Structures are given as C-alpha cells and as structure tokens.
C-alpha cells in the first residue's frame, strides 16, 4: 500500500507536469524539450505500476477497490497543492520517493 501511494503520487504529478497550464506553476527540470514528451507515458506507467503493486499485496477485488479509493485521494492532494501551495508539491515528491523506497524495502 505504501509503494502504491508513492507511485500514484509520482504518476499523477508527472501527468500534471506534462500539462501546459501546470508546467508554468511546477517550475523544474521537466521544462526541457528532451524531457517533456516522455512525461505523459512515464506518468501512465507509474499509475499502472501503482495498481500492479497493490494487486501484488492484496487479492484482485480488494486491491482494485483500494486503488480506486487512493486515486481520488492522491489526485485531490495534487489538485489542492496546484491551487494553493505549488511549492509544497515538490516536498511531496521527496515524500513520495521516501514512500516508494520504504515500500520496496518492506514489500508492503
């Protein structure tokens, strides 16, 4: 579950960074022309990996329902961050990376 949360946050953040309206708000290295075309496929792959990581821990139905509950939760965190505190989303990236590392170590 921890790994799925981190991957889902990274995937949704990557999709938001790919959009023109959010790219200005989320100033960072993803503005480079060589990185911009890769962001959307990378975001979708991270979202798919989050689903696979939660399906590995729980059985099919419970995993899908849990993931469908996490999706709007993490999406609303990113949406509110984009609206009110975009700088906090970069702190969220560090937290998401910490969640991914913790999830990989604990296999949870």
PDB file of N, CA and C in Angstrom:
ATOM      1  N   UNK A   1       0.834  -1.194   0.000  1.00  0.00           N
ATOM      2  CA  UNK A   1       0.000   0.000   0.000  1.00  0.00           C
ATOM      3  C   UNK A   1       0.877   1.256   0.000  1.00  0.00           C
ATOM      4  N   UNK A   2       1.967   1.223   0.761  1.00  0.00           N
ATOM      5  CA  UNK A   2       2.865   2.374   0.823  1.00  0.00           C
ATOM      6  C   UNK A   2       3.495   2.617  -0.538  1.00  0.00           C
ATOM      7  N   UNK A   3       3.914   1.535  -1.193  1.00  0.00           N
ATOM      8  CA  UNK A   3       4.508   1.646  -2.519  1.00  0.00           C
ATOM      9  C   UNK A   3       3.493   2.198  -3.524  1.00  0.00           C
ATOM     10  N   UNK A   4       2.250   1.753  -3.431  1.00  0.00           N
ATOM     11  CA  UNK A   4       1.213   2.221  -4.352  1.00  0.00           C
ATOM     12  C   UNK A   4       0.942   3.709  -4.162  1.00  0.00           C
ATOM     13  N   UNK A   5       0.952   4.180  -2.921  1.00  0.00           N
ATOM     14  CA  UNK A   5       0.724   5.605  -2.663  1.00  0.00           C
ATOM     15  C   UNK A   5       1.833   6.441  -3.290  1.00  0.00           C
ATOM     16  N   UNK A   6       3.072   6.017  -3.091  1.00  0.00           N
ATOM     17  CA  UNK A   6       4.195   6.763  -3.665  1.00  0.00           C
ATOM     18  C   UNK A   6       4.174   6.768  -5.181  1.00  0.00           C
ATOM     19  N   UNK A   7       3.923   5.617  -5.787  1.00  0.00           N
ATOM     20  CA  UNK A   7       3.889   5.538  -7.251  1.00  0.00           C
ATOM     21  C   UNK A   7       2.720   6.328  -7.831  1.00  0.00           C
ATOM     22  N   UNK A   8       1.601   6.295  -7.147  1.00  0.00           N
ATOM     23  CA  UNK A   8       0.433   7.037  -7.619  1.00  0.00           C
ATOM     24  C   UNK A   8       0.683   8.541  -7.559  1.00  0.00           C
ATOM     25  N   UNK A   9       1.297   9.007  -6.485  1.00  0.00           N
ATOM     26  CA  UNK A   9       1.619  10.429  -6.378  1.00  0.00           C
ATOM     27  C   UNK A   9       2.597  10.828  -7.486  1.00  0.00           C
ATOM     28  N   UNK A  10       3.629  10.033  -7.687  1.00  0.00           N
ATOM     29  CA  UNK A  10       4.610  10.356  -8.732  1.00  0.00           C
ATOM     30  C   UNK A  10       3.975  10.348 -10.115  1.00  0.00           C
ATOM     31  N   UNK A  11       3.085   9.385 -10.358  1.00  0.00           N
ATOM     32  CA  UNK A  11       2.421   9.316 -11.660  1.00  0.00           C
ATOM     33  C   UNK A  11       1.505  10.493 -11.919  1.00  0.00           C
ATOM     34  N   UNK A  12       0.705  10.857 -10.933  1.00  0.00           N
ATOM     35  CA  UNK A  12      -0.206  11.989 -11.112  1.00  0.00           C
ATOM     36  C   UNK A  12       0.553  13.313 -11.183  1.00  0.00           C
ATOM     37  N   UNK A  13       1.638  13.437 -10.418  1.00  0.00           N
ATOM     38  CA  UNK A  13       2.463  14.643 -10.501  1.00  0.00           C
ATOM     39  C   UNK A  13       3.099  14.754 -11.882  1.00  0.00           C
ATOM     40  N   UNK A  14       3.547  13.639 -12.420  1.00  0.00           N
ATOM     41  CA  UNK A  14       4.162  13.644 -13.749  1.00  0.00           C
ATOM     42  C   UNK A  14       3.148  14.030 -14.816  1.00  0.00           C
ATOM     43  N   UNK A  15       1.927  13.532 -14.698  1.00  0.00           N
ATOM     44  CA  UNK A  15       0.893  13.927 -15.654  1.00  0.00           C
ATOM     45  C   UNK A  15       0.556  15.410 -15.527  1.00  0.00           C
ATOM     46  N   UNK A  16       0.541  15.928 -14.300  1.00  0.00           N
ATOM     47  CA  UNK A  16       0.278  17.355 -14.111  1.00  0.00           C
ATOM     48  C   UNK A  16       1.421  18.191 -14.665  1.00  0.00           C
ATOM     49  N   UNK A  17       2.652  17.732 -14.491  1.00  0.00           N
ATOM     50  CA  UNK A  17       3.803  18.475 -15.012  1.00  0.00           C
ATOM     51  C   UNK A  17       3.833  18.461 -16.536  1.00  0.00           C
ATOM     52  N   UNK A  18       3.164  17.497 -17.139  1.00  0.00           N
ATOM     53  CA  UNK A  18       3.106  17.421 -18.595  1.00  0.00           C
ATOM     54  C   UNK A  18       2.146  18.446 -19.194  1.00  0.00           C
ATOM     55  N   UNK A  19       1.162  18.878 -18.426  1.00  0.00           N
ATOM     56  CA  UNK A  19       0.161  19.823 -18.934  1.00  0.00           C
ATOM     57  C   UNK A  19       0.739  21.229 -18.989  1.00  0.00           C
ATOM     58  N   UNK A  20       0.392  21.967 -20.038  1.00  0.00           N
ATOM     59  CA  UNK A  20       0.935  23.314 -20.228  1.00  0.00           C
ATOM     60  C   UNK A  20       0.572  24.255 -19.092  1.00  0.00           C
ATOM     61  N   UNK A  21      -0.657  24.202 -18.629  1.00  0.00           N
ATOM     62  CA  UNK A  21      -1.081  25.144 -17.591  1.00  0.00           C
ATOM     63  C   UNK A  21      -0.366  24.886 -16.271  1.00  0.00           C
ATOM     64  N   UNK A  22      -0.020  23.629 -15.990  1.00  0.00           N
ATOM     65  CA  UNK A  22       0.658  23.320 -14.736  1.00  0.00           C
ATOM     66  C   UNK A  22       2.175  23.383 -14.861  1.00  0.00           C
ATOM     67  N   UNK A  23       2.665  23.283 -16.073  1.00  0.00           N
ATOM     68  CA  UNK A  23       4.116  23.306 -16.282  1.00  0.00           C
ATOM     69  C   UNK A  23       4.714  24.630 -15.829  1.00  0.00           C
ATOM     70  N   UNK A  24       3.978  25.719 -16.023  1.00  0.00           N
ATOM     71  CA  UNK A  24       4.473  27.023 -15.551  1.00  0.00           C
ATOM     72  C   UNK A  24       4.486  27.089 -14.031  1.00  0.00           C
ATOM     73  N   UNK A  25       3.487  26.497 -13.404  1.00  0.00           N
ATOM     74  CA  UNK A  25       3.398  26.505 -11.948  1.00  0.00           C
ATOM     75  C   UNK A  25       4.457  25.606 -11.321  1.00  0.00           C
ATOM     76  N   UNK A  26       4.686  24.468 -11.921  1.00  0.00           N
ATOM     77  CA  UNK A  26       5.635  23.496 -11.394  1.00  0.00           C
ATOM     78  C   UNK A  26       6.996  23.673 -12.063  1.00  0.00           C
ATOM     79  N   UNK A  27       7.638  24.780 -11.792  1.00  0.00           N
ATOM     80  CA  UNK A  27       8.945  25.039 -12.393  1.00  0.00           C
ATOM     81  C   UNK A  27       9.916  23.957 -11.956  1.00  0.00           C
ATOM     82  N   UNK A  28      10.578  23.383 -12.923  1.00  0.00           N
ATOM     83  CA  UNK A  28      11.531  22.320 -12.623  1.00  0.00           C
ATOM     84  C   UNK A  28      12.204  21.821 -13.883  1.00  0.00           C
ATOM     85  N   UNK A  29      12.935  20.727 -13.781  1.00  0.00           N
ATOM     86  CA  UNK A  29      13.688  20.228 -14.935  1.00  0.00           C
ATOM     87  C   UNK A  29      12.821  19.629 -16.030  1.00  0.00           C
ATOM     88  N   UNK A  30      11.519  19.462 -15.785  1.00  0.00           N
ATOM     89  CA  UNK A  30      10.650  18.861 -16.794  1.00  0.00           C
ATOM     90  C   UNK A  30      10.268  19.839 -17.886  1.00  0.00           C
ATOM     91  N   UNK A  31      10.792  21.075 -17.851  1.00  0.00           N
ATOM     92  CA  UNK A  31      10.546  22.042 -18.923  1.00  0.00           C
ATOM     93  C   UNK A  31      11.440  21.810 -20.128  1.00  0.00           C
ATOM     94  N   UNK A  32      12.469  21.036 -19.970  1.00  0.00           N
ATOM     95  CA  UNK A  32      13.415  20.817 -21.067  1.00  0.00           C
ATOM     96  C   UNK A  32      12.728  20.086 -22.210  1.00  0.00           C
ATOM     97  N   UNK A  33      13.034  20.473 -23.438  1.00  0.00           N
ATOM     98  CA  UNK A  33      12.362  19.848 -24.587  1.00  0.00           C
ATOM     99  C   UNK A  33      12.629  18.348 -24.714  1.00  0.00           C
ATOM    100  N   UNK A  34      13.742  17.883 -24.191  1.00  0.00           N
ATOM    101  CA  UNK A  34      14.029  16.460 -24.302  1.00  0.00           C
ATOM    102  C   UNK A  34      13.226  15.626 -23.302  1.00  0.00           C
ATOM    103  N   UNK A  35      12.774  16.239 -22.215  1.00  0.00           N
ATOM    104  CA  UNK A  35      12.051  15.506 -21.176  1.00  0.00           C
ATOM    105  C   UNK A  35      10.541  15.597 -21.367  1.00  0.00           C
ATOM    106  N   UNK A  36      10.047  16.692 -21.887  1.00  0.00           N
ATOM    107  CA  UNK A  36       8.610  16.928 -21.982  1.00  0.00           C
ATOM    108  C   UNK A  36       7.826  15.816 -22.704  1.00  0.00           C
ATOM    109  N   UNK A  37       8.297  15.261 -23.827  1.00  0.00           N
ATOM    110  CA  UNK A  37       7.491  14.205 -24.484  1.00  0.00           C
ATOM    111  C   UNK A  37       7.447  12.893 -23.707  1.00  0.00           C
ATOM    112  N   UNK A  38       8.337  12.716 -22.772  1.00  0.00           N
ATOM    113  CA  UNK A  38       8.403  11.465 -22.021  1.00  0.00           C
ATOM    114  C   UNK A  38       7.485  11.485 -20.804  1.00  0.00           C
ATOM    115  N   UNK A  39       7.046  12.668 -20.379  1.00  0.00           N
ATOM    116  CA  UNK A  39       6.309  12.792 -19.125  1.00  0.00           C
ATOM    117  C   UNK A  39       4.978  12.050 -19.117  1.00  0.00           C
ATOM    118  N   UNK A  40       4.194  12.179 -20.171  1.00  0.00           N
ATOM    119  CA  UNK A  40       2.872  11.529 -20.187  1.00  0.00           C
ATOM    120  C   UNK A  40       2.983  10.007 -20.156  1.00  0.00           C
ATOM    121  N   UNK A  41       3.789   9.382 -21.018  1.00  0.00           N
ATOM    122  CA  UNK A  41       3.904   7.916 -20.914  1.00  0.00           C
ATOM    123  C   UNK A  41       4.485   7.455 -19.578  1.00  0.00           C
ATOM    124  N   UNK A  42       5.427   8.227 -19.038  1.00  0.00           N
ATOM    125  CA  UNK A  42       6.002   7.881 -17.745  1.00  0.00           C
ATOM    126  C   UNK A  42       4.951   7.962 -16.644  1.00  0.00           C
ATOM    127  N   UNK A  43       4.111   8.984 -16.687  1.00  0.00           N
ATOM    128  CA  UNK A  43       3.050   9.123 -15.697  1.00  0.00           C
ATOM    129  C   UNK A  43       2.069   7.969 -15.740  1.00  0.00           C
ATOM    130  N   UNK A  44       1.660   7.587 -16.946  1.00  0.00           N
ATOM    131  CA  UNK A  44       0.719   6.474 -17.058  1.00  0.00           C
ATOM    132  C   UNK A  44       1.358   5.160 -16.625  1.00  0.00           C
ATOM    133  N   UNK A  45       2.636   4.981 -16.911  1.00  0.00           N
ATOM    134  CA  UNK A  45       3.327   3.761 -16.462  1.00  0.00           C
ATOM    135  C   UNK A  45       3.427   3.711 -14.942  1.00  0.00           C
ATOM    136  N   UNK A  46       3.685   4.857 -14.311  1.00  0.00           N
ATOM    137  CA  UNK A  46       3.746   4.886 -12.849  1.00  0.00           C
ATOM    138  C   UNK A  46       2.386   4.589 -12.223  1.00  0.00           C
ATOM    139  N   UNK A  47       1.326   5.079 -12.844  1.00  0.00           N
ATOM    140  CA  UNK A  47      -0.022   4.791 -12.341  1.00  0.00           C
ATOM    141  C   UNK A  47      -0.339   3.305 -12.495  1.00  0.00           C
ATOM    142  N   UNK A  48       0.038   2.723 -13.635  1.00  0.00           N
ATOM    143  CA  UNK A  48      -0.173   1.280 -13.827  1.00  0.00           C
ATOM    144  C   UNK A  48       0.661   0.466 -12.840  1.00  0.00           C
ATOM    145  N   UNK A  49       1.887   0.902 -12.577  1.00  0.00           N
ATOM    146  CA  UNK A  49       2.727   0.209 -11.600  1.00  0.00           C
ATOM    147  C   UNK A  49       2.136   0.289 -10.198  1.00  0.00           C
ATOM    148  N   UNK A  50       1.485   1.411  -9.890  1.00  0.00           N
ATOM    149  CA  UNK A  50       0.846   1.511  -8.574  1.00  0.00           C
ATOM    150  C   UNK A  50      -0.288   0.503  -8.448  1.00  0.00           C
ATOM    151  N   UNK A  51      -1.040   0.313  -9.521  1.00  0.00           N
ATOM    152  CA  UNK A  51      -2.112  -0.685  -9.495  1.00  0.00           C
ATOM    153  C   UNK A  51      -1.533  -2.089  -9.361  1.00  0.00           C
ATOM    154  N   UNK A  52      -0.467  -2.368 -10.086  1.00  0.00           N
ATOM    155  CA  UNK A  52       0.158  -3.691 -10.001  1.00  0.00           C
ATOM    156  C   UNK A  52       0.782  -3.928  -8.629  1.00  0.00           C
ATOM    157  N   UNK A  53       1.334  -2.890  -8.036  1.00  0.00           N
ATOM    158  CA  UNK A  53       1.965  -3.068  -6.730  1.00  0.00           C
ATOM    159  C   UNK A  53       0.945  -3.344  -5.638  1.00  0.00           C
ATOM    160  N   UNK A  54      -0.224  -2.738  -5.747  1.00  0.00           N
ATOM    161  CA  UNK A  54      -1.255  -3.015  -4.739  1.00  0.00           C
ATOM    162  C   UNK A  54      -1.945  -4.350  -5.021  1.00  0.00           C
ATOM    163  N   UNK A  55      -1.997  -4.761  -6.279  1.00  0.00           N
ATOM    164  CA  UNK A  55      -2.588  -6.059  -6.619  1.00  0.00           C
ATOM    165  C   UNK A  55      -1.681  -7.200  -6.173  1.00  0.00           C
ATOM    166  N   UNK A  56      -0.403  -6.933  -6.060  1.00  0.00           N
ATOM    167  CA  UNK A  56       0.550  -7.953  -5.606  1.00  0.00           C
ATOM    168  C   UNK A  56       0.350  -8.262  -4.127  1.00  0.00           C
ATOM    169  N   UNK A  57      -0.062  -7.253  -3.355  1.00  0.00           N
ATOM    170  CA  UNK A  57      -0.215  -7.422  -1.909  1.00  0.00           C
ATOM    171  C   UNK A  57      -1.576  -8.012  -1.561  1.00  0.00           C
ATOM    172  N   UNK A  58      -2.647  -7.521  -2.179  1.00  0.00           N
ATOM    173  CA  UNK A  58      -3.997  -7.966  -1.861  1.00  0.00           C
ATOM    174  C   UNK A  58      -4.599  -8.717  -3.035  1.00  0.00           C
ATOM    175  N   UNK A  59      -5.697  -9.413  -2.772  1.00  0.00           N
ATOM    176  CA  UNK A  59      -6.409 -10.111  -3.831  1.00  0.00           C
ATOM    177  C   UNK A  59      -7.076  -9.119  -4.774  1.00  0.00           C
ATOM    178  N   UNK A  60      -7.480  -9.581  -5.943  1.00  0.00           N
ATOM    179  CA  UNK A  60      -7.959  -8.734  -7.018  1.00  0.00           C
ATOM    180  C   UNK A  60      -9.003  -7.702  -6.668  1.00  0.00           C
ATOM    181  N   UNK A  61     -10.124  -8.106  -6.089  1.00  0.00           N
ATOM    182  CA  UNK A  61     -11.217  -7.175  -5.823  1.00  0.00           C
ATOM    183  C   UNK A  61     -10.880  -6.140  -4.768  1.00  0.00           C
ATOM    184  N   UNK A  62     -10.263  -6.579  -3.690  1.00  0.00           N
ATOM    185  CA  UNK A  62      -9.894  -5.664  -2.616  1.00  0.00           C
ATOM    186  C   UNK A  62      -8.829  -4.682  -3.106  1.00  0.00           C
ATOM    187  N   UNK A  63      -7.899  -5.180  -3.893  1.00  0.00           N
ATOM    188  CA  UNK A  63      -6.841  -4.316  -4.422  1.00  0.00           C
ATOM    189  C   UNK A  63      -7.414  -3.247  -5.343  1.00  0.00           C
ATOM    190  N   UNK A  64      -8.332  -3.628  -6.210  1.00  0.00           N
ATOM    191  CA  UNK A  64      -8.915  -2.670  -7.142  1.00  0.00           C
ATOM    192  C   UNK A  64      -9.733  -1.606  -6.422  1.00  0.00           C
ATOM    193  N   UNK A  65     -10.511  -2.023  -5.436  1.00  0.00           N
ATOM    194  CA  UNK A  65     -11.312  -1.060  -4.675  1.00  0.00           C
ATOM    195  C   UNK A  65     -10.404  -0.121  -3.884  1.00  0.00           C
ATOM    196  N   UNK A  66      -9.356  -0.659  -3.280  1.00  0.00           N
ATOM    197  CA  UNK A  66      -8.416   0.178  -2.524  1.00  0.00           C
ATOM    198  C   UNK A  66      -7.720   1.171  -3.439  1.00  0.00           C
ATOM    199  N   UNK A  67      -7.308   0.717  -4.610  1.00  0.00           N
ATOM    200  CA  UNK A  67      -6.633   1.599  -5.557  1.00  0.00           C
ATOM    201  C   UNK A  67      -7.589   2.672  -6.062  1.00  0.00           C
ATOM    202  N   UNK A  68      -8.836   2.287  -6.316  1.00  0.00           N
ATOM    203  CA  UNK A  68      -9.834   3.273  -6.753  1.00  0.00           C
ATOM    204  C   UNK A  68     -10.149   4.281  -5.655  1.00  0.00           C
ATOM    205  N   UNK A  69      -9.936   3.928  -4.410  1.00  0.00           N
ATOM    206  CA  UNK A  69     -10.086   4.881  -3.317  1.00  0.00           C
ATOM    207  C   UNK A  69      -8.877   5.786  -3.183  1.00  0.00           C
ATOM    208  N   UNK A  70      -7.691   5.244  -3.448  1.00  0.00           N
ATOM    209  CA  UNK A  70      -6.467   6.053  -3.367  1.00  0.00           C
ATOM    210  C   UNK A  70      -6.362   7.063  -4.504  1.00  0.00           C
ATOM    211  N   UNK A  71      -6.876   6.711  -5.656  1.00  0.00           N
ATOM    212  CA  UNK A  71      -6.749   7.571  -6.840  1.00  0.00           C
ATOM    213  C   UNK A  71      -7.345   8.961  -6.626  1.00  0.00           C
ATOM    214  N   UNK A  72      -8.595   9.101  -6.181  1.00  0.00           N
ATOM    215  CA  UNK A  72      -9.104  10.460  -5.963  1.00  0.00           C
ATOM    216  C   UNK A  72      -8.469  11.144  -4.755  1.00  0.00           C
ATOM    217  N   UNK A  73      -8.032  10.364  -3.777  1.00  0.00           N
ATOM    218  CA  UNK A  73      -7.386  10.957  -2.606  1.00  0.00           C
ATOM    219  C   UNK A  73      -6.065  11.630  -2.993  1.00  0.00           C
ATOM    220  N   UNK A  74      -5.220  10.917  -3.700  1.00  0.00           N
ATOM    221  CA  UNK A  74      -3.937  11.475  -4.122  1.00  0.00           C
ATOM    222  C   UNK A  74      -4.155  12.554  -5.179  1.00  0.00           C
ATOM    223  N   UNK A  75      -5.132  12.349  -6.062  1.00  0.00           N
ATOM    224  CA  UNK A  75      -5.438  13.366  -7.061  1.00  0.00           C
ATOM    225  C   UNK A  75      -5.903  14.670  -6.442  1.00  0.00           C
ATOM    226  N   UNK A  76      -6.684  14.575  -5.380  1.00  0.00           N
ATOM    227  CA  UNK A  76      -7.140  15.808  -4.733  1.00  0.00           C
ATOM    228  C   UNK A  76      -6.006  16.493  -3.980  1.00  0.00           C
ATOM    229  N   UNK A  77      -5.073  15.724  -3.439  1.00  0.00           N
ATOM    230  CA  UNK A  77      -3.902  16.329  -2.797  1.00  0.00           C
ATOM    231  C   UNK A  77      -3.101  17.134  -3.824  1.00  0.00           C
ATOM    232  N   UNK A  78      -2.905  16.566  -4.999  1.00  0.00           N
ATOM    233  CA  UNK A  78      -2.154  17.276  -6.037  1.00  0.00           C
ATOM    234  C   UNK A  78      -2.953  18.464  -6.555  1.00  0.00           C
ATOM    235  N   UNK A  79      -4.263  18.299  -6.724  1.00  0.00           N
ATOM    236  CA  UNK A  79      -5.083  19.404  -7.206  1.00  0.00           C
ATOM    237  C   UNK A  79      -5.076  20.573  -6.223  1.00  0.00           C
ATOM    238  N   UNK A  80      -5.247  20.283  -4.943  1.00  0.00           N
ATOM    239  CA  UNK A  80      -5.224  21.352  -3.946  1.00  0.00           C
ATOM    240  C   UNK A  80      -3.834  21.973  -3.843  1.00  0.00           C
ATOM    241  N   UNK A  81      -2.807  21.158  -3.983  1.00  0.00           N
ATOM    242  CA  UNK A  81      -1.450  21.697  -3.979  1.00  0.00           C
ATOM    243  C   UNK A  81      -1.198  22.620  -5.158  1.00  0.00           C
ATOM    244  N   UNK A  82      -1.678  22.240  -6.329  1.00  0.00           N
ATOM    245  CA  UNK A  82      -1.527  23.101  -7.508  1.00  0.00           C
ATOM    246  C   UNK A  82      -2.284  24.412  -7.337  1.00  0.00           C
ATOM    247  N   UNK A  83      -3.413  24.359  -6.660  1.00  0.00           N
ATOM    248  CA  UNK A  83      -4.241  25.537  -6.496  1.00  0.00           C
ATOM    249  C   UNK A  83      -3.687  26.487  -5.444  1.00  0.00           C
ATOM    250  N   UNK A  84      -3.293  25.954  -4.305  1.00  0.00           N
ATOM    251  CA  UNK A  84      -2.952  26.815  -3.180  1.00  0.00           C
ATOM    252  C   UNK A  84      -1.459  26.896  -2.856  1.00  0.00           C
ATOM    253  N   UNK A  85      -0.756  25.793  -2.866  1.00  0.00           N
ATOM    254  CA  UNK A  85       0.659  25.771  -2.477  1.00  0.00           C
ATOM    255  C   UNK A  85       1.478  24.907  -3.437  1.00  0.00           C
ATOM    256  N   UNK A  86       1.810  25.411  -4.621  1.00  0.00           N
ATOM    257  CA  UNK A  86       2.580  24.596  -5.569  1.00  0.00           C
ATOM    258  C   UNK A  86       3.967  24.210  -5.058  1.00  0.00           C
ATOM    259  N   UNK A  87       4.551  25.018  -4.200  1.00  0.00           N
ATOM    260  CA  UNK A  87       5.883  24.687  -3.684  1.00  0.00           C
ATOM    261  C   UNK A  87       5.844  23.444  -2.803  1.00  0.00           C
ATOM    262  N   UNK A  88       4.721  23.190  -2.176  1.00  0.00           N
ATOM    263  CA  UNK A  88       4.599  22.024  -1.312  1.00  0.00           C
ATOM    264  C   UNK A  88       4.583  20.725  -2.116  1.00  0.00           C
ATOM    265  N   UNK A  89       4.210  20.804  -3.387  1.00  0.00           N
ATOM    266  CA  UNK A  89       4.180  19.596  -4.205  1.00  0.00           C
ATOM    267  C   UNK A  89       5.579  19.034  -4.416  1.00  0.00           C
ATOM    268  N   UNK A  90       6.571  19.907  -4.436  1.00  0.00           N
ATOM    269  CA  UNK A  90       7.950  19.423  -4.575  1.00  0.00           C
ATOM    270  C   UNK A  90       8.392  18.701  -3.311  1.00  0.00           C
ATOM    271  N   UNK A  91       7.931  19.159  -2.166  1.00  0.00           N
ATOM    272  CA  UNK A  91       8.172  18.429  -0.920  1.00  0.00           C
ATOM    273  C   UNK A  91       7.447  17.081  -0.973  1.00  0.00           C
ATOM    274  N   UNK A  92       6.279  17.087  -1.602  1.00  0.00           N
ATOM    275  CA  UNK A  92       5.543  15.839  -1.790  1.00  0.00           C
ATOM    276  C   UNK A  92       6.290  14.848  -2.659  1.00  0.00           C
ATOM    277  N   UNK A  93       7.077  15.345  -3.619  1.00  0.00           N
ATOM    278  CA  UNK A  93       7.898  14.446  -4.434  1.00  0.00           C
ATOM    279  C   UNK A  93       8.908  13.704  -3.573  1.00  0.00           C
ATOM    280  N   UNK A  94       9.544  14.425  -2.665  1.00  0.00           N
ATOM    281  CA  UNK A  94      10.505  13.778  -1.764  1.00  0.00           C
ATOM    282  C   UNK A  94       9.806  12.756  -0.873  1.00  0.00           C
ATOM    283  N   UNK A  95       8.622  13.106  -0.394  1.00  0.00           N
ATOM    284  CA  UNK A  95       7.864  12.167   0.441  1.00  0.00           C
ATOM    285  C   UNK A  95       7.438  10.940  -0.374  1.00  0.00           C
ATOM    286  N   UNK A  96       7.043  11.150  -1.615  1.00  0.00           N
ATOM    287  CA  UNK A  96       6.638  10.029  -2.463  1.00  0.00           C
ATOM    288  C   UNK A  96       7.820   9.105  -2.734  1.00  0.00           C
ATOM    289  N   UNK A  97       8.980   9.684  -2.962  1.00  0.00           N
ATOM    290  CA  UNK A  97      10.175   8.860  -3.171  1.00  0.00           C
ATOM    291  C   UNK A  97      10.500   8.071  -1.906  1.00  0.00           C
ATOM    292  N   UNK A  98      10.309   8.697  -0.756  1.00  0.00           N
ATOM    293  CA  UNK A  98      10.516   8.003   0.512  1.00  0.00           C
ATOM    294  C   UNK A  98       9.502   6.867   0.672  1.00  0.00           C
ATOM    295  N   UNK A  99       8.269   7.103   0.272  1.00  0.00           N
ATOM    296  CA  UNK A  99       7.250   6.051   0.325  1.00  0.00           C
ATOM    297  C   UNK A  99       7.614   4.893  -0.603  1.00  0.00           C
ATOM    298  N   UNK A 100       8.102   5.223  -1.798  1.00  0.00           N
ATOM    299  CA  UNK A 100       8.473   4.168  -2.748  1.00  0.00           C
ATOM    300  C   UNK A 100       9.628   3.340  -2.182  1.00  0.00           C
ATOM    301  N   UNK A 101      10.646   4.007  -1.655  1.00  0.00           N
ATOM    302  CA  UNK A 101      11.781   3.276  -1.081  1.00  0.00           C
ATOM    303  C   UNK A 101      11.345   2.425   0.112  1.00  0.00           C
ATOM    304  N   UNK A 102      10.518   2.987   0.969  1.00  0.00           N
ATOM    305  CA  UNK A 102      10.018   2.235   2.131  1.00  0.00           C
ATOM    306  C   UNK A 102       9.170   1.055   1.676  1.00  0.00           C
ATOM    307  N   UNK A 103       8.332   1.264   0.688  1.00  0.00           N
ATOM    308  CA  UNK A 103       7.503   0.182   0.167  1.00  0.00           C
ATOM    309  C   UNK A 103       8.317  -0.924  -0.465  1.00  0.00           C
ATOM    310  N   UNK A 104       9.393  -0.559  -1.147  1.00  0.00           N
ATOM    311  CA  UNK A 104      10.258  -1.570  -1.744  1.00  0.00           C
ATOM    312  C   UNK A 104      11.019  -2.348  -0.672  1.00  0.00           C
ATOM    313  N   UNK A 105      11.423  -1.665   0.380  1.00  0.00           N
ATOM    314  CA  UNK A 105      12.152  -2.349   1.458  1.00  0.00           C
ATOM    315  C   UNK A 105      11.219  -3.260   2.250  1.00  0.00           C
ATOM    316  N   UNK A 106      10.047  -2.753   2.605  1.00  0.00           N
ATOM    317  CA  UNK A 106       9.104  -3.534   3.409  1.00  0.00           C
ATOM    318  C   UNK A 106       8.261  -4.503   2.600  1.00  0.00           C
ATOM    319  N   UNK A 107       8.248  -4.331   1.296  1.00  0.00           N
ATOM    320  CA  UNK A 107       7.418  -5.144   0.393  1.00  0.00           C
ATOM    321  C   UNK A 107       5.943  -5.039   0.769  1.00  0.00           C
ATOM    322  N   UNK A 108       5.530  -3.800   1.114  1.00  0.00           N
ATOM    323  CA  UNK A 108       4.137  -3.588   1.542  1.00  0.00           C
ATOM    324  C   UNK A 108       3.393  -2.759   0.531  1.00  0.00           C
TER     325      UNK A 108
END
